[in-house]
């Protein structure tokens, strides 16, 4: 090993023809992300549509409930009126 240098005589700076970085592996191409982004976009649109339809159904249910509550109130008012009339008739017939 005549070419071996003693430790104190090694060069601090590497030779110009030596590479400072490792040999790079051939990199794989970046994956295509547009299909994933398209699917996410379509899912967001579908979620918005389902939310809108659910809100419309909720509003329709609220309207039906309000109408039914009004009808039930009218039925109770009729029964109360008939009961009050029957009570008044019984009181007047006793006299």
N, C-alpha and C. Protein backbone atom coordinates (compact mmCIF):
# COMPACT_ATOMS: atom_id res chain seq x y z
N UNK A 1 0.81 -1.17 0.00
CA UNK A 1 0.00 0.00 0.00
C UNK A 1 0.87 1.24 0.00
N UNK A 2 1.57 1.42 -1.04
CA UNK A 2 2.42 2.61 -1.10
C UNK A 2 1.63 3.90 -1.28
N UNK A 3 0.38 3.80 -1.78
CA UNK A 3 -0.40 5.03 -2.01
C UNK A 3 -1.10 5.52 -0.74
N UNK A 4 -1.09 4.73 0.31
CA UNK A 4 -1.78 5.14 1.53
C UNK A 4 -1.04 6.30 2.16
N UNK A 5 -1.79 7.30 2.56
CA UNK A 5 -1.20 8.47 3.19
C UNK A 5 -1.33 8.34 4.69
N UNK A 6 -0.43 8.91 5.39
CA UNK A 6 -0.59 8.90 6.84
C UNK A 6 -1.79 9.78 7.21
N UNK A 7 -2.42 9.55 8.36
CA UNK A 7 -3.63 10.27 8.74
C UNK A 7 -3.45 11.78 8.75
N UNK A 8 -2.30 12.28 9.10
CA UNK A 8 -2.13 13.74 9.16
C UNK A 8 -1.97 14.37 7.79
N UNK A 9 -1.78 13.57 6.77
CA UNK A 9 -1.56 14.14 5.45
C UNK A 9 -2.75 13.94 4.53
N UNK A 10 -3.89 13.50 5.07
CA UNK A 10 -5.09 13.33 4.23
C UNK A 10 -5.61 14.70 3.83
N UNK A 11 -6.14 14.81 2.62
CA UNK A 11 -6.69 16.12 2.21
C UNK A 11 -8.01 16.40 2.94
N UNK A 12 -8.20 17.64 3.32
CA UNK A 12 -9.43 18.05 3.99
C UNK A 12 -10.54 18.22 2.95
N UNK A 13 -10.21 18.76 1.83
CA UNK A 13 -11.19 18.98 0.76
C UNK A 13 -11.12 17.79 -0.18
N UNK A 14 -12.27 17.22 -0.57
CA UNK A 14 -12.23 16.07 -1.45
C UNK A 14 -11.78 16.45 -2.85
N UNK A 15 -11.40 15.47 -3.58
CA UNK A 15 -10.97 15.71 -4.96
C UNK A 15 -12.16 16.22 -5.78
N UNK A 16 -11.90 17.02 -6.78
CA UNK A 16 -12.99 17.58 -7.59
C UNK A 16 -13.81 16.52 -8.31
N UNK A 17 -13.23 15.40 -8.66
CA UNK A 17 -13.98 14.39 -9.40
C UNK A 17 -14.75 13.43 -8.49
N UNK A 18 -14.64 13.54 -7.17
CA UNK A 18 -15.42 12.67 -6.29
C UNK A 18 -16.77 13.32 -6.02
N UNK A 19 -17.77 12.50 -5.94
CA UNK A 19 -19.13 13.00 -5.72
C UNK A 19 -19.38 13.17 -4.23
N UNK A 20 -20.04 14.26 -3.87
CA UNK A 20 -20.36 14.51 -2.47
C UNK A 20 -21.69 13.87 -2.07
N UNK A 21 -22.50 13.56 -3.03
CA UNK A 21 -23.80 12.96 -2.73
C UNK A 21 -23.81 11.52 -3.17
N UNK A 22 -24.73 10.79 -2.57
CA UNK A 22 -24.88 9.40 -2.97
C UNK A 22 -25.49 9.33 -4.35
N UNK A 23 -25.28 8.21 -4.99
CA UNK A 23 -25.91 8.02 -6.29
C UNK A 23 -27.42 7.98 -6.10
N UNK A 24 -28.12 8.77 -6.87
CA UNK A 24 -29.57 8.87 -6.73
C UNK A 24 -30.25 7.72 -7.44
N UNK A 25 -31.24 7.18 -6.77
CA UNK A 25 -32.04 6.15 -7.41
C UNK A 25 -32.98 6.84 -8.39
N UNK A 26 -33.32 6.17 -9.45
CA UNK A 26 -34.30 6.79 -10.35
C UNK A 26 -35.63 6.95 -9.60
N UNK A 27 -36.11 8.17 -9.54
CA UNK A 27 -37.32 8.44 -8.77
C UNK A 27 -38.55 8.02 -9.56
N UNK A 28 -39.54 7.55 -8.82
CA UNK A 28 -40.79 7.17 -9.46
C UNK A 28 -41.58 8.43 -9.76
N UNK A 29 -42.38 8.40 -10.80
CA UNK A 29 -43.18 9.59 -11.10
C UNK A 29 -44.21 9.83 -9.99
N UNK A 30 -44.54 11.08 -9.81
CA UNK A 30 -45.53 11.45 -8.79
C UNK A 30 -46.87 10.81 -9.14
N UNK A 31 -47.58 10.35 -8.13
CA UNK A 31 -48.90 9.76 -8.41
C UNK A 31 -49.87 10.84 -8.87
N UNK A 32 -50.80 10.43 -9.72
CA UNK A 32 -51.80 11.38 -10.19
C UNK A 32 -52.83 11.59 -9.09
N UNK A 33 -53.03 12.82 -8.70
CA UNK A 33 -53.95 13.12 -7.61
C UNK A 33 -55.30 13.62 -8.10
N UNK A 34 -55.44 13.92 -9.38
CA UNK A 34 -56.70 14.48 -9.83
C UNK A 34 -57.87 13.52 -9.64
N UNK A 35 -57.73 12.18 -9.78
CA UNK A 35 -58.90 11.34 -9.51
C UNK A 35 -59.34 11.40 -8.04
N UNK A 36 -58.38 11.43 -7.14
CA UNK A 36 -58.71 11.53 -5.73
C UNK A 36 -59.39 12.85 -5.41
N UNK A 37 -58.87 13.93 -5.96
CA UNK A 37 -59.48 15.24 -5.73
C UNK A 37 -60.88 15.31 -6.33
N UNK A 38 -61.07 14.70 -7.49
CA UNK A 38 -62.40 14.68 -8.11
C UNK A 38 -63.38 13.91 -7.25
N UNK A 39 -62.96 12.78 -6.71
CA UNK A 39 -63.84 11.98 -5.86
C UNK A 39 -64.21 12.76 -4.59
N UNK A 40 -63.24 13.42 -3.99
CA UNK A 40 -63.52 14.22 -2.79
C UNK A 40 -64.48 15.35 -3.12
N UNK A 41 -64.27 16.01 -4.26
CA UNK A 41 -65.16 17.10 -4.67
C UNK A 41 -66.58 16.58 -4.89
N UNK A 42 -66.72 15.44 -5.56
CA UNK A 42 -68.05 14.87 -5.80
C UNK A 42 -68.71 14.44 -4.49
N UNK A 43 -67.93 13.93 -3.55
CA UNK A 43 -68.49 13.56 -2.25
C UNK A 43 -68.98 14.80 -1.49
N UNK A 44 -68.25 15.89 -1.59
CA UNK A 44 -68.68 17.12 -0.93
C UNK A 44 -69.98 17.62 -1.56
N UNK A 45 -70.06 17.58 -2.89
CA UNK A 45 -71.29 17.99 -3.58
C UNK A 45 -72.45 17.09 -3.18
N UNK A 46 -72.22 15.78 -3.13
CA UNK A 46 -73.28 14.84 -2.74
C UNK A 46 -73.72 15.08 -1.30
N UNK A 47 -72.78 15.36 -0.42
CA UNK A 47 -73.13 15.65 0.97
C UNK A 47 -73.98 16.92 1.06
N UNK A 48 -73.62 17.92 0.28
CA UNK A 48 -74.43 19.14 0.25
C UNK A 48 -75.83 18.88 -0.26
N UNK A 49 -75.97 18.06 -1.30
CA UNK A 49 -77.29 17.74 -1.85
C UNK A 49 -78.13 16.97 -0.83
N UNK A 50 -77.52 16.01 -0.16
CA UNK A 50 -78.26 15.24 0.86
C UNK A 50 -78.69 16.15 2.00
N UNK A 51 -77.82 17.06 2.40
CA UNK A 51 -78.15 18.01 3.46
C UNK A 51 -79.32 18.89 3.05
N UNK A 52 -79.31 19.37 1.81
CA UNK A 52 -80.40 20.23 1.32
C UNK A 52 -81.71 19.46 1.30
N UNK A 53 -81.70 18.21 0.80
CA UNK A 53 -82.93 17.42 0.77
C UNK A 53 -83.42 17.11 2.18
N UNK A 54 -82.52 16.85 3.10
CA UNK A 54 -82.92 16.59 4.49
C UNK A 54 -83.54 17.84 5.10
N UNK A 55 -82.99 19.01 4.79
CA UNK A 55 -83.55 20.26 5.30
C UNK A 55 -84.95 20.50 4.74
N UNK A 56 -85.13 20.23 3.45
CA UNK A 56 -86.45 20.38 2.84
C UNK A 56 -87.46 19.42 3.49
N UNK A 57 -87.05 18.20 3.74
CA UNK A 57 -87.93 17.23 4.39
C UNK A 57 -88.27 17.68 5.81
N UNK A 58 -87.29 18.23 6.50
CA UNK A 58 -87.52 18.74 7.86
C UNK A 58 -88.53 19.87 7.83
N UNK A 59 -88.39 20.78 6.87
CA UNK A 59 -89.33 21.89 6.77
C UNK A 59 -90.74 21.39 6.45
N UNK A 60 -90.84 20.39 5.57
CA UNK A 60 -92.15 19.83 5.23
C UNK A 60 -92.78 19.18 6.46
N UNK A 61 -91.98 18.46 7.22
CA UNK A 61 -92.48 17.83 8.44
C UNK A 61 -92.94 18.88 9.44
N UNK A 62 -92.18 19.95 9.60
CA UNK A 62 -92.58 21.03 10.52
C UNK A 62 -93.90 21.65 10.09
N UNK A 63 -94.09 21.87 8.79
CA UNK A 63 -95.36 22.43 8.29
C UNK A 63 -96.52 21.49 8.58
N UNK A 64 -96.33 20.20 8.34
CA UNK A 64 -97.40 19.23 8.62
C UNK A 64 -97.70 19.18 10.11
N UNK A 65 -96.68 19.23 10.93
CA UNK A 65 -96.89 19.22 12.38
C UNK A 65 -97.63 20.47 12.84
N UNK A 66 -97.27 21.62 12.28
CA UNK A 66 -97.96 22.87 12.63
C UNK A 66 -99.43 22.80 12.22
N UNK A 67 -99.70 22.25 11.02
CA UNK A 67 -101.07 22.13 10.55
C UNK A 67 -101.86 21.16 11.43
N UNK A 68 -101.26 20.03 11.77
CA UNK A 68 -101.92 19.04 12.62
C UNK A 68 -102.19 19.60 14.01
N UNK A 69 -101.25 20.37 14.54
CA UNK A 69 -101.44 20.98 15.85
C UNK A 69 -102.61 21.96 15.82
N UNK A 70 -102.71 22.73 14.74
CA UNK A 70 -103.83 23.66 14.59
C UNK A 70 -105.16 22.93 14.49
N UNK A 71 -105.18 21.83 13.74
CA UNK A 71 -106.42 21.06 13.62
C UNK A 71 -106.81 20.45 14.96
N UNK A 72 -105.83 19.94 15.70
CA UNK A 72 -106.13 19.38 17.02
C UNK A 72 -106.64 20.46 17.97
N UNK A 73 -106.10 21.65 17.87
CA UNK A 73 -106.56 22.75 18.70
C UNK A 73 -108.02 23.08 18.36
N UNK A 74 -108.35 23.05 17.07
CA UNK A 74 -109.73 23.32 16.67
C UNK A 74 -110.67 22.23 17.19
N UNK A 75 -110.25 20.98 17.14
CA UNK A 75 -111.09 19.89 17.64
C UNK A 75 -111.31 20.04 19.14
N UNK A 76 -110.26 20.38 19.88
CA UNK A 76 -110.40 20.59 21.33
C UNK A 76 -111.32 21.77 21.61
N UNK A 77 -111.20 22.82 20.82
CA UNK A 77 -112.07 23.98 21.02
C UNK A 77 -113.52 23.60 20.76
N UNK A 78 -113.78 22.78 19.75
CA UNK A 78 -115.16 22.35 19.47
C UNK A 78 -115.70 21.50 20.62
N UNK A 79 -114.88 20.58 21.11
CA UNK A 79 -115.34 19.76 22.24
C UNK A 79 -115.61 20.62 23.46
N UNK A 80 -114.73 21.58 23.72
CA UNK A 80 -114.93 22.46 24.87
C UNK A 80 -116.21 23.28 24.69
N UNK A 81 -116.47 23.74 23.47
CA UNK A 81 -117.68 24.53 23.21
C UNK A 81 -118.92 23.66 23.38
N UNK A 82 -118.89 22.43 22.89
CA UNK A 82 -120.04 21.54 23.04
C UNK A 82 -120.26 21.20 24.51
N UNK A 83 -119.16 20.97 25.23
CA UNK A 83 -119.28 20.64 26.64
C UNK A 83 -119.82 21.83 27.42
N UNK A 84 -119.37 23.02 27.11
CA UNK A 84 -119.87 24.21 27.79
C UNK A 84 -121.34 24.44 27.44
N UNK A 85 -121.71 24.19 26.19
CA UNK A 85 -123.12 24.34 25.79
C UNK A 85 -124.00 23.31 26.47
N UNK A 86 -123.52 22.08 26.59
CA UNK A 86 -124.30 21.03 27.26
C UNK A 86 -124.44 21.34 28.73
N UNK A 87 -123.40 21.85 29.35
CA UNK A 87 -123.47 22.21 30.76
C UNK A 87 -124.44 23.37 30.95
N UNK A 88 -124.39 24.34 30.06
CA UNK A 88 -125.31 25.48 30.15
C UNK A 88 -126.74 25.02 29.93
N UNK A 89 -126.95 24.07 29.05
CA UNK A 89 -128.30 23.57 28.78
C UNK A 89 -128.83 22.82 29.99
N UNK A 90 -127.94 22.03 30.65
CA UNK A 90 -128.37 21.29 31.84
C UNK A 90 -128.73 22.26 32.97
N UNK A 91 -127.96 23.30 33.12
CA UNK A 91 -128.21 24.28 34.17
C UNK A 91 -129.51 25.01 33.88
N UNK A 92 -129.75 25.39 32.62
CA UNK A 92 -130.97 26.12 32.28
C UNK A 92 -132.19 25.22 32.33
N UNK A 93 -132.06 23.93 32.08
CA UNK A 93 -133.21 23.04 32.11
C UNK A 93 -133.62 22.73 33.55
N UNK A 94 -132.73 22.84 34.49
CA UNK A 94 -133.05 22.60 35.90
C UNK A 94 -133.86 23.76 36.48
N UNK A 95 -133.70 24.90 35.95
CA UNK A 95 -134.35 26.07 36.53
C UNK A 95 -135.81 26.17 36.22
